[in-house]
Amino acid sequence: QKYDYPPETILSHSFYMRKKEEFYRFYRDKMLY
């Protein structure tokens, strides 16, 4: 699927530390079922 960043990047520790808000947007949308 298409995002600004690949899911592997968004779900990485360094991305979480750098862009928490973006991480959580993806996390709520795609990881919480």
PDB file of all heavy atoms in Angstrom:
ATOM      1  N   GLN A   1       0.852  -1.181   0.000  1.00  0.00           N
ATOM      2  CA  GLN A   1       0.000   0.000   0.000  1.00  0.00           C
ATOM      3  C   GLN A   1       0.895   1.240   0.000  1.00  0.00           C
ATOM      4  O   GLN A   1       2.083   1.158   0.268  1.00  0.00           O
ATOM      5  CB  GLN A   1      -0.916  -0.019   1.224  1.00  0.00           C
ATOM      6  CG  GLN A   1      -1.855  -1.226   1.202  1.00  0.00           C
ATOM      7  CD  GLN A   1      -2.681  -1.322   2.467  1.00  0.00           C
ATOM      8  OE1 GLN A   1      -2.781  -0.367   3.219  1.00  0.00           O
ATOM      9  NE2 GLN A   1      -3.261  -2.483   2.696  1.00  0.00           N
ATOM     10  N   LYS A   2       0.302   2.374  -0.288  1.00  0.00           N
ATOM     11  CA  LYS A   2       1.127   3.576  -0.478  1.00  0.00           C
ATOM     12  C   LYS A   2       1.066   4.531   0.730  1.00  0.00           C
ATOM     13  O   LYS A   2       0.004   4.952   1.147  1.00  0.00           O
ATOM     14  CB  LYS A   2       0.673   4.315  -1.734  1.00  0.00           C
ATOM     15  CG  LYS A   2       0.867   3.495  -3.011  1.00  0.00           C
ATOM     16  CD  LYS A   2       2.350   3.387  -3.390  1.00  0.00           C
ATOM     17  CE  LYS A   2       2.543   2.551  -4.622  1.00  0.00           C
ATOM     18  NZ  LYS A   2       2.599   1.120  -4.349  1.00  0.00           N
ATOM     19  N   TYR A   3       2.244   4.825   1.260  1.00  0.00           N
ATOM     20  CA  TYR A   3       2.376   5.832   2.331  1.00  0.00           C
ATOM     21  C   TYR A   3       3.555   6.729   1.971  1.00  0.00           C
ATOM     22  O   TYR A   3       4.299   6.429   1.042  1.00  0.00           O
ATOM     23  CB  TYR A   3       2.626   5.144   3.680  1.00  0.00           C
ATOM     24  CG  TYR A   3       1.464   4.297   4.118  1.00  0.00           C
ATOM     25  CD1 TYR A   3       1.427   2.941   3.804  1.00  0.00           C
ATOM     26  CD2 TYR A   3       0.379   4.853   4.791  1.00  0.00           C
ATOM     27  CE1 TYR A   3       0.341   2.165   4.159  1.00  0.00           C
ATOM     28  CE2 TYR A   3      -0.713   4.082   5.144  1.00  0.00           C
ATOM     29  CZ  TYR A   3      -0.724   2.736   4.829  1.00  0.00           C
ATOM     30  OH  TYR A   3      -1.803   1.966   5.172  1.00  0.00           O
ATOM     31  N   ASP A   4       3.730   7.786   2.728  1.00  0.00           N
ATOM     32  CA  ASP A   4       4.872   8.677   2.484  1.00  0.00           C
ATOM     33  C   ASP A   4       6.191   7.941   2.694  1.00  0.00           C
ATOM     34  O   ASP A   4       7.203   8.270   2.102  1.00  0.00           O
ATOM     35  CB  ASP A   4       4.806   9.893   3.415  1.00  0.00           C
ATOM     36  CG  ASP A   4       3.660  10.820   3.029  1.00  0.00           C
ATOM     37  OD1 ASP A   4       3.133  10.651   1.908  1.00  0.00           O
ATOM     38  OD2 ASP A   4       3.291  11.677   3.841  1.00  0.00           O
ATOM     39  N   TYR A   5       6.159   6.960   3.593  1.00  0.00           N
ATOM     40  CA  TYR A   5       7.344   6.149   3.863  1.00  0.00           C
ATOM     41  C   TYR A   5       6.928   4.677   3.806  1.00  0.00           C
ATOM     42  O   TYR A   5       5.777   4.349   4.077  1.00  0.00           O
ATOM     43  CB  TYR A   5       7.891   6.428   5.276  1.00  0.00           C
ATOM     44  CG  TYR A   5       8.227   7.871   5.532  1.00  0.00           C
ATOM     45  CD1 TYR A   5       7.253   8.754   6.008  1.00  0.00           C
ATOM     46  CD2 TYR A   5       9.513   8.357   5.315  1.00  0.00           C
ATOM     47  CE1 TYR A   5       7.556  10.088   6.260  1.00  0.00           C
ATOM     48  CE2 TYR A   5       9.825   9.689   5.565  1.00  0.00           C
ATOM     49  CZ  TYR A   5       8.844  10.546   6.031  1.00  0.00           C
ATOM     50  OH  TYR A   5       9.154  11.862   6.277  1.00  0.00           O
ATOM     51  N   PRO A   6       7.862   3.775   3.507  1.00  0.00           N
ATOM     52  CA  PRO A   6       7.507   2.350   3.546  1.00  0.00           C
ATOM     53  C   PRO A   6       7.205   1.928   4.981  1.00  0.00           C
ATOM     54  O   PRO A   6       7.801   2.478   5.922  1.00  0.00           O
ATOM     55  CB  PRO A   6       8.769   1.640   3.042  1.00  0.00           C
ATOM     56  CG  PRO A   6       9.698   2.702   2.592  1.00  0.00           C
ATOM     57  CD  PRO A   6       9.243   4.008   3.145  1.00  0.00           C
ATOM     58  N   PRO A   7       6.292   0.958   5.179  1.00  0.00           N
ATOM     59  CA  PRO A   7       5.961   0.508   6.529  1.00  0.00           C
ATOM     60  C   PRO A   7       7.186   0.071   7.339  1.00  0.00           C
ATOM     61  O   PRO A   7       7.257   0.336   8.535  1.00  0.00           O
ATOM     62  CB  PRO A   7       5.017  -0.669   6.297  1.00  0.00           C
ATOM     63  CG  PRO A   7       4.366  -0.354   4.995  1.00  0.00           C
ATOM     64  CD  PRO A   7       5.421   0.321   4.171  1.00  0.00           C
ATOM     65  N   GLU A   8       8.185  -0.571   6.666  1.00  0.00           N
ATOM     66  CA  GLU A   8       9.391  -0.992   7.411  1.00  0.00           C
ATOM     67  C   GLU A   8      10.082   0.205   8.047  1.00  0.00           C
ATOM     68  O   GLU A   8      10.640   0.107   9.129  1.00  0.00           O
ATOM     69  CB  GLU A   8      10.419  -1.684   6.503  1.00  0.00           C
ATOM     70  CG  GLU A   8       9.918  -2.890   5.769  1.00  0.00           C
ATOM     71  CD  GLU A   8       9.561  -2.562   4.342  1.00  0.00           C
ATOM     72  OE1 GLU A   8       8.872  -1.544   4.105  1.00  0.00           O
ATOM     73  OE2 GLU A   8       9.954  -3.333   3.456  1.00  0.00           O
ATOM     74  N   THR A   9      10.057   1.334   7.327  1.00  0.00           N
ATOM     75  CA  THR A   9      10.703   2.545   7.844  1.00  0.00           C
ATOM     76  C   THR A   9       9.901   3.120   9.009  1.00  0.00           C
ATOM     77  O   THR A   9      10.449   3.442  10.069  1.00  0.00           O
ATOM     78  CB  THR A   9      10.827   3.608   6.726  1.00  0.00           C
ATOM     79  OG1 THR A   9      11.556   3.038   5.642  1.00  0.00           O
ATOM     80  CG2 THR A   9      11.524   4.858   7.221  1.00  0.00           C
ATOM     81  N   ILE A  10       8.584   3.230   8.806  1.00  0.00           N
ATOM     82  CA  ILE A  10       7.721   3.807   9.850  1.00  0.00           C
ATOM     83  C   ILE A  10       7.794   2.983  11.131  1.00  0.00           C
ATOM     84  O   ILE A  10       7.797   3.528  12.237  1.00  0.00           O
ATOM     85  CB  ILE A  10       6.254   3.891   9.358  1.00  0.00           C
ATOM     86  CG1 ILE A  10       6.156   4.793   8.130  1.00  0.00           C
ATOM     87  CG2 ILE A  10       5.336   4.420  10.476  1.00  0.00           C
ATOM     88  CD1 ILE A  10       4.774   4.819   7.487  1.00  0.00           C
ATOM     89  N   LEU A  11       7.859   1.653  10.972  1.00  0.00           N
ATOM     90  CA  LEU A  11       7.850   0.777  12.150  1.00  0.00           C
ATOM     91  C   LEU A  11       9.255   0.474  12.649  1.00  0.00           C
ATOM     92  O   LEU A  11       9.524  -0.586  13.210  1.00  0.00           O
ATOM     93  CB  LEU A  11       7.116  -0.526  11.817  1.00  0.00           C
ATOM     94  CG  LEU A  11       5.632  -0.342  11.495  1.00  0.00           C
ATOM     95  CD1 LEU A  11       5.015  -1.639  11.014  1.00  0.00           C
ATOM     96  CD2 LEU A  11       4.873   0.183  12.716  1.00  0.00           C
ATOM     97  N   SER A  12      10.170   1.426  12.467  1.00  0.00           N
ATOM     98  CA  SER A  12      11.537   1.252  12.964  1.00  0.00           C
ATOM     99  C   SER A  12      11.746   2.121  14.200  1.00  0.00           C
ATOM    100  O   SER A  12      11.049   3.116  14.411  1.00  0.00           O
ATOM    101  CB  SER A  12      12.547   1.638  11.888  1.00  0.00           C
ATOM    102  OG  SER A  12      12.496   3.032  11.635  1.00  0.00           O
ATOM    103  N   HIS A  13      12.703   1.714  15.000  1.00  0.00           N
ATOM    104  CA  HIS A  13      12.996   2.451  16.237  1.00  0.00           C
ATOM    105  C   HIS A  13      13.438   3.884  15.928  1.00  0.00           C
ATOM    106  O   HIS A  13      12.995   4.833  16.578  1.00  0.00           O
ATOM    107  CB  HIS A  13      14.099   1.720  17.016  1.00  0.00           C
ATOM    108  CG  HIS A  13      14.514   2.434  18.262  1.00  0.00           C
ATOM    109  ND1 HIS A  13      13.786   2.356  19.432  1.00  0.00           N
ATOM    110  CD2 HIS A  13      15.555   3.273  18.521  1.00  0.00           C
ATOM    111  CE1 HIS A  13      14.376   3.102  20.358  1.00  0.00           C
ATOM    112  NE2 HIS A  13      15.434   3.666  19.820  1.00  0.00           N
ATOM    113  N   SER A  14      14.295   4.043  14.913  1.00  0.00           N
ATOM    114  CA  SER A  14      14.808   5.386  14.628  1.00  0.00           C
ATOM    115  C   SER A  14      13.690   6.316  14.130  1.00  0.00           C
ATOM    116  O   SER A  14      13.659   7.493  14.481  1.00  0.00           O
ATOM    117  CB  SER A  14      15.959   5.332  13.621  1.00  0.00           C
ATOM    118  OG  SER A  14      15.633   4.532  12.517  1.00  0.00           O
ATOM    119  N   PHE A  15      12.756   5.773  13.330  1.00  0.00           N
ATOM    120  CA  PHE A  15      11.633   6.592  12.860  1.00  0.00           C
ATOM    121  C   PHE A  15      10.741   6.970  14.041  1.00  0.00           C
ATOM    122  O   PHE A  15      10.297   8.117  14.150  1.00  0.00           O
ATOM    123  CB  PHE A  15      10.823   5.820  11.804  1.00  0.00           C
ATOM    124  CG  PHE A  15       9.797   6.666  11.090  1.00  0.00           C
ATOM    125  CD1 PHE A  15      10.103   7.310   9.907  1.00  0.00           C
ATOM    126  CD2 PHE A  15       8.510   6.823  11.619  1.00  0.00           C
ATOM    127  CE1 PHE A  15       9.153   8.094   9.245  1.00  0.00           C
ATOM    128  CE2 PHE A  15       7.562   7.613  10.971  1.00  0.00           C
ATOM    129  CZ  PHE A  15       7.889   8.246   9.781  1.00  0.00           C
ATOM    130  N   TYR A  16      10.501   6.004  14.918  1.00  0.00           N
ATOM    131  CA  TYR A  16       9.689   6.278  16.110  1.00  0.00           C
ATOM    132  C   TYR A  16      10.304   7.417  16.924  1.00  0.00           C
ATOM    133  O   TYR A  16       9.596   8.310  17.407  1.00  0.00           O
ATOM    134  CB  TYR A  16       9.566   5.017  16.975  1.00  0.00           C
ATOM    135  CG  TYR A  16       8.945   5.276  18.326  1.00  0.00           C
ATOM    136  CD1 TYR A  16       7.565   5.407  18.457  1.00  0.00           C
ATOM    137  CD2 TYR A  16       9.739   5.436  19.464  1.00  0.00           C
ATOM    138  CE1 TYR A  16       6.991   5.688  19.690  1.00  0.00           C
ATOM    139  CE2 TYR A  16       9.163   5.709  20.698  1.00  0.00           C
ATOM    140  CZ  TYR A  16       7.797   5.838  20.804  1.00  0.00           C
ATOM    141  OH  TYR A  16       7.239   6.124  22.019  1.00  0.00           O
ATOM    142  N   MET A  17      11.619   7.389  17.087  1.00  0.00           N
ATOM    143  CA  MET A  17      12.288   8.428  17.871  1.00  0.00           C
ATOM    144  C   MET A  17      12.236   9.793  17.164  1.00  0.00           C
ATOM    145  O   MET A  17      12.117  10.827  17.802  1.00  0.00           O
ATOM    146  CB  MET A  17      13.762   8.044  18.123  1.00  0.00           C
ATOM    147  CG  MET A  17      13.941   6.785  18.952  1.00  0.00           C
ATOM    148  SD  MET A  17      13.084   6.835  20.549  1.00  0.00           S
ATOM    149  CE  MET A  17      14.123   7.982  21.446  1.00  0.00           C
ATOM    150  N   ARG A  18      12.298   9.761  15.826  1.00  0.00           N
ATOM    151  CA  ARG A  18      12.372  11.003  15.047  1.00  0.00           C
ATOM    152  C   ARG A  18      11.024  11.622  14.739  1.00  0.00           C
ATOM    153  O   ARG A  18      10.846  12.832  14.762  1.00  0.00           O
ATOM    154  CB  ARG A  18      13.069  10.720  13.698  1.00  0.00           C
ATOM    155  CG  ARG A  18      14.547  10.923  13.675  1.00  0.00           C
ATOM    156  CD  ARG A  18      15.148  10.973  12.265  1.00  0.00           C
ATOM    157  NE  ARG A  18      14.301  10.529  11.178  1.00  0.00           N
ATOM    158  CZ  ARG A  18      14.309   9.298  10.691  1.00  0.00           C
ATOM    159  NH1 ARG A  18      15.079   8.374  11.236  1.00  0.00           N
ATOM    160  NH2 ARG A  18      13.540   8.984   9.662  1.00  0.00           N
ATOM    161  N   LYS A  19      10.040  10.772  14.397  1.00  0.00           N
ATOM    162  CA  LYS A  19       8.752  11.278  13.903  1.00  0.00           C
ATOM    163  C   LYS A  19       7.606  10.553  14.596  1.00  0.00           C
ATOM    164  O   LYS A  19       6.847   9.814  13.971  1.00  0.00           O
ATOM    165  CB  LYS A  19       8.655  11.071  12.389  1.00  0.00           C
ATOM    166  CG  LYS A  19       9.659  11.859  11.556  1.00  0.00           C
ATOM    167  CD  LYS A  19       9.508  11.525  10.082  1.00  0.00           C
ATOM    168  CE  LYS A  19      10.438  12.316   9.217  1.00  0.00           C
ATOM    169  NZ  LYS A  19       9.986  13.697   8.960  1.00  0.00           N
ATOM    170  N   LYS A  20       7.480  10.777  15.889  1.00  0.00           N
ATOM    171  CA  LYS A  20       6.484  10.029  16.672  1.00  0.00           C
ATOM    172  C   LYS A  20       5.056  10.252  16.194  1.00  0.00           C
ATOM    173  O   LYS A  20       4.257   9.330  16.162  1.00  0.00           O
ATOM    174  CB  LYS A  20       6.592  10.412  18.156  1.00  0.00           C
ATOM    175  CG  LYS A  20       7.693   9.661  18.872  1.00  0.00           C
ATOM    176  CD  LYS A  20       7.645   9.864  20.357  1.00  0.00           C
ATOM    177  CE  LYS A  20       8.890   9.235  20.961  1.00  0.00           C
ATOM    178  NZ  LYS A  20       9.330   9.858  22.178  1.00  0.00           N
ATOM    179  N   GLU A  21       4.759  11.462  15.809  1.00  0.00           N
ATOM    180  CA  GLU A  21       3.379  11.754  15.404  1.00  0.00           C
ATOM    181  C   GLU A  21       3.015  10.973  14.138  1.00  0.00           C
ATOM    182  O   GLU A  21       1.951  10.377  14.034  1.00  0.00           O
ATOM    183  CB  GLU A  21       3.197  13.263  15.181  1.00  0.00           C
ATOM    184  CG  GLU A  21       1.736  13.648  15.179  1.00  0.00           C
ATOM    185  CD  GLU A  21       1.495  15.093  15.621  1.00  0.00           C
ATOM    186  OE1 GLU A  21       2.379  15.683  16.287  1.00  0.00           O
ATOM    187  OE2 GLU A  21       0.427  15.601  15.294  1.00  0.00           O
ATOM    188  N   GLU A  22       3.948  10.951  13.193  1.00  0.00           N
ATOM    189  CA  GLU A  22       3.748  10.205  11.943  1.00  0.00           C
ATOM    190  C   GLU A  22       3.656   8.706  12.236  1.00  0.00           C
ATOM    191  O   GLU A  22       2.827   7.995  11.677  1.00  0.00           O
ATOM    192  CB  GLU A  22       4.936  10.493  11.001  1.00  0.00           C
ATOM    193  CG  GLU A  22       4.845   9.847   9.643  1.00  0.00           C
ATOM    194  CD  GLU A  22       3.970  10.637   8.676  1.00  0.00           C
ATOM    195  OE1 GLU A  22       3.501  11.734   9.025  1.00  0.00           O
ATOM    196  OE2 GLU A  22       3.753  10.114   7.584  1.00  0.00           O
ATOM    197  N   PHE A  23       4.505   8.237  13.145  1.00  0.00           N
ATOM    198  CA  PHE A  23       4.484   6.825  13.559  1.00  0.00           C
ATOM    199  C   PHE A  23       3.098   6.456  14.087  1.00  0.00           C
ATOM    200  O   PHE A  23       2.515   5.449  13.688  1.00  0.00           O
ATOM    201  CB  PHE A  23       5.542   6.579  14.649  1.00  0.00           C
ATOM    202  CG  PHE A  23       5.428   5.232  15.323  1.00  0.00           C
ATOM    203  CD1 PHE A  23       6.094   4.125  14.828  1.00  0.00           C
ATOM    204  CD2 PHE A  23       4.633   5.070  16.462  1.00  0.00           C
ATOM    205  CE1 PHE A  23       5.974   2.869  15.446  1.00  0.00           C
ATOM    206  CE2 PHE A  23       4.500   3.828  17.080  1.00  0.00           C
ATOM    207  CZ  PHE A  23       5.185   2.727  16.573  1.00  0.00           C
ATOM    208  N   TYR A  24       2.578   7.292  14.968  1.00  0.00           N
ATOM    209  CA  TYR A  24       1.284   6.971  15.593  1.00  0.00           C
ATOM    210  C   TYR A  24       0.108   7.081  14.639  1.00  0.00           C
ATOM    211  O   TYR A  24      -0.883   6.377  14.790  1.00  0.00           O
ATOM    212  CB  TYR A  24       1.068   7.830  16.844  1.00  0.00           C
ATOM    213  CG  TYR A  24       1.611   7.139  18.069  1.00  0.00           C
ATOM    214  CD1 TYR A  24       2.721   7.623  18.744  1.00  0.00           C
ATOM    215  CD2 TYR A  24       1.026   5.959  18.534  1.00  0.00           C
ATOM    216  CE1 TYR A  24       3.229   6.953  19.845  1.00  0.00           C
ATOM    217  CE2 TYR A  24       1.526   5.292  19.625  1.00  0.00           C
ATOM    218  CZ  TYR A  24       2.631   5.791  20.285  1.00  0.00           C
ATOM    219  OH  TYR A  24       3.128   5.123  21.354  1.00  0.00           O
ATOM    220  N   ARG A  25       0.231   7.954  13.631  1.00  0.00           N
ATOM    221  CA  ARG A  25      -0.832   8.026  12.624  1.00  0.00           C
ATOM    222  C   ARG A  25      -0.953   6.687  11.911  1.00  0.00           C
ATOM    223  O   ARG A  25      -2.033   6.132  11.755  1.00  0.00           O
ATOM    224  CB  ARG A  25      -0.524   9.133  11.610  1.00  0.00           C
ATOM    225  CG  ARG A  25      -1.545  10.264  11.631  1.00  0.00           C
ATOM    226  CD  ARG A  25      -1.601  11.060  10.342  1.00  0.00           C
ATOM    227  NE  ARG A  25      -0.310  11.424   9.800  1.00  0.00           N
ATOM    228  CZ  ARG A  25       0.384  12.514  10.164  1.00  0.00           C
ATOM    229  NH1 ARG A  25      -0.083  13.316  11.090  1.00  0.00           N
ATOM    230  NH2 ARG A  25       1.526  12.795   9.589  1.00  0.00           N
ATOM    231  N   PHE A  26       0.189   6.144  11.505  1.00  0.00           N
ATOM    232  CA  PHE A  26       0.221   4.854  10.818  1.00  0.00           C
ATOM    233  C   PHE A  26      -0.188   3.729  11.778  1.00  0.00           C
ATOM    234  O   PHE A  26      -0.969   2.845  11.433  1.00  0.00           O
ATOM    235  CB  PHE A  26       1.636   4.595  10.289  1.00  0.00           C
ATOM    236  CG  PHE A  26       1.796   3.257   9.612  1.00  0.00           C
ATOM    237  CD1 PHE A  26       1.526   3.105   8.260  1.00  0.00           C
ATOM    238  CD2 PHE A  26       2.207   2.148  10.327  1.00  0.00           C
ATOM    239  CE1 PHE A  26       1.666   1.870   7.637  1.00  0.00           C
ATOM    240  CE2 PHE A  26       2.344   0.907   9.717  1.00  0.00           C
ATOM    241  CZ  PHE A  26       2.078   0.773   8.368  1.00  0.00           C
ATOM    242  N   TYR A  27       0.341   3.791  12.987  1.00  0.00           N
ATOM    243  CA  TYR A  27       0.107   2.735  13.981  1.00  0.00           C
ATOM    244  C   TYR A  27      -1.386   2.582  14.307  1.00  0.00           C
ATOM    245  O   TYR A  27      -1.919   1.474  14.329  1.00  0.00           O
ATOM    246  CB  TYR A  27       0.907   3.063  15.240  1.00  0.00           C
ATOM    247  CG  TYR A  27       0.845   1.995  16.315  1.00  0.00           C
ATOM    248  CD1 TYR A  27       1.653   0.870  16.253  1.00  0.00           C
ATOM    249  CD2 TYR A  27      -0.018   2.142  17.410  1.00  0.00           C
ATOM    250  CE1 TYR A  27       1.602  -0.105  17.236  1.00  0.00           C
ATOM    251  CE2 TYR A  27      -0.073   1.180  18.400  1.00  0.00           C
ATOM    252  CZ  TYR A  27       0.743   0.060  18.313  1.00  0.00           C
ATOM    253  OH  TYR A  27       0.678  -0.909  19.290  1.00  0.00           O
ATOM    254  N   ARG A  28      -2.052   3.711  14.552  1.00  0.00           N
ATOM    255  CA  ARG A  28      -3.499   3.655  14.848  1.00  0.00           C
ATOM    256  C   ARG A  28      -4.282   3.124  13.652  1.00  0.00           C
ATOM    257  O   ARG A  28      -5.223   2.354  13.796  1.00  0.00           O
ATOM    258  CB  ARG A  28      -4.046   5.047  15.208  1.00  0.00           C
ATOM    259  CG  ARG A  28      -3.663   5.525  16.574  1.00  0.00           C
ATOM    260  CD  ARG A  28      -4.384   6.819  16.916  1.00  0.00           C
ATOM    261  NE  ARG A  28      -3.769   7.433  18.084  1.00  0.00           N
ATOM    262  CZ  ARG A  28      -2.805   8.350  18.023  1.00  0.00           C
ATOM    263  NH1 ARG A  28      -2.366   8.787  16.846  1.00  0.00           N
ATOM    264  NH2 ARG A  28      -2.276   8.840  19.123  1.00  0.00           N
ATOM    265  N   ASP A  29      -3.874   3.568  12.476  1.00  0.00           N
ATOM    266  CA  ASP A  29      -4.605   3.245  11.256  1.00  0.00           C
ATOM    267  C   ASP A  29      -4.409   1.794  10.819  1.00  0.00           C
ATOM    268  O   ASP A  29      -5.344   1.141  10.363  1.00  0.00           O
ATOM    269  CB  ASP A  29      -4.112   4.197  10.142  1.00  0.00           C
ATOM    270  CG  ASP A  29      -4.943   4.083   8.889  1.00  0.00           C
ATOM    271  OD1 ASP A  29      -6.141   3.774   9.003  1.00  0.00           O
ATOM    272  OD2 ASP A  29      -4.390   4.307   7.788  1.00  0.00           O
ATOM    273  N   LYS A  30      -3.181   1.275  10.982  1.00  0.00           N
ATOM    274  CA  LYS A  30      -2.843   0.000  10.360  1.00  0.00           C
ATOM    275  C   LYS A  30      -2.427  -1.116  11.313  1.00  0.00           C
ATOM    276  O   LYS A  30      -2.262  -2.262  10.885  1.00  0.00           O
ATOM    277  CB  LYS A  30      -1.691   0.214   9.345  1.00  0.00           C
ATOM    278  CG  LYS A  30      -2.112   1.040   8.150  1.00  0.00           C
ATOM    279  CD  LYS A  30      -3.119   0.295   7.294  1.00  0.00           C
ATOM    280  CE  LYS A  30      -3.714   1.146   6.203  1.00  0.00           C
ATOM    281  NZ  LYS A  30      -4.860   0.500   5.562  1.00  0.00           N
ATOM    282  N   MET A  31      -2.237  -0.822  12.579  1.00  0.00           N
ATOM    283  CA  MET A  31      -1.745  -1.859  13.493  1.00  0.00           C
ATOM    284  C   MET A  31      -2.749  -2.230  14.582  1.00  0.00           C
ATOM    285  O   MET A  31      -2.601  -3.254  15.235  1.00  0.00           O
ATOM    286  CB  MET A  31      -0.436  -1.402  14.170  1.00  0.00           C
ATOM    287  CG  MET A  31       0.649  -0.976  13.202  1.00  0.00           C
ATOM    288  SD  MET A  31       1.129  -2.266  12.017  1.00  0.00           S
ATOM    289  CE  MET A  31       2.007  -3.374  13.080  1.00  0.00           C
ATOM    290  N   LEU A  32      -3.750  -1.400  14.789  1.00  0.00           N
ATOM    291  CA  LEU A  32      -4.700  -1.665  15.865  1.00  0.00           C
ATOM    292  C   LEU A  32      -6.032  -2.178  15.305  1.00  0.00           C
ATOM    293  O   LEU A  32      -6.848  -1.400  14.822  1.00  0.00           O
ATOM    294  CB  LEU A  32      -4.934  -0.392  16.702  1.00  0.00           C
ATOM    295  CG  LEU A  32      -3.714   0.114  17.480  1.00  0.00           C
ATOM    296  CD1 LEU A  32      -4.058   1.382  18.247  1.00  0.00           C
ATOM    297  CD2 LEU A  32      -3.179  -0.952  18.438  1.00  0.00           C
ATOM    298  N   TYR A  33      -6.202  -3.480  15.360  1.00  0.00           N
ATOM    299  CA  TYR A  33      -7.448  -4.110  14.895  1.00  0.00           C
ATOM    300  C   TYR A  33      -8.155  -4.686  16.119  1.00  0.00           C
ATOM    301  O   TYR A  33      -8.191  -5.891  16.332  1.00  0.00           O
ATOM    302  CB  TYR A  33      -7.146  -5.203  13.863  1.00  0.00           C
ATOM    303  CG  TYR A  33      -6.686  -4.634  12.543  1.00  0.00           C
ATOM    304  CD1 TYR A  33      -5.350  -4.322  12.332  1.00  0.00           C
ATOM    305  CD2 TYR A  33      -7.601  -4.375  11.526  1.00  0.00           C
ATOM    306  CE1 TYR A  33      -4.929  -3.771  11.126  1.00  0.00           C
ATOM    307  CE2 TYR A  33      -7.188  -3.816  10.317  1.00  0.00           C
ATOM    308  CZ  TYR A  33      -5.850  -3.521  10.124  1.00  0.00           C
ATOM    309  OH  TYR A  33      -5.445  -2.979   8.935  1.00  0.00           O
TER     310      TYR A  33
END
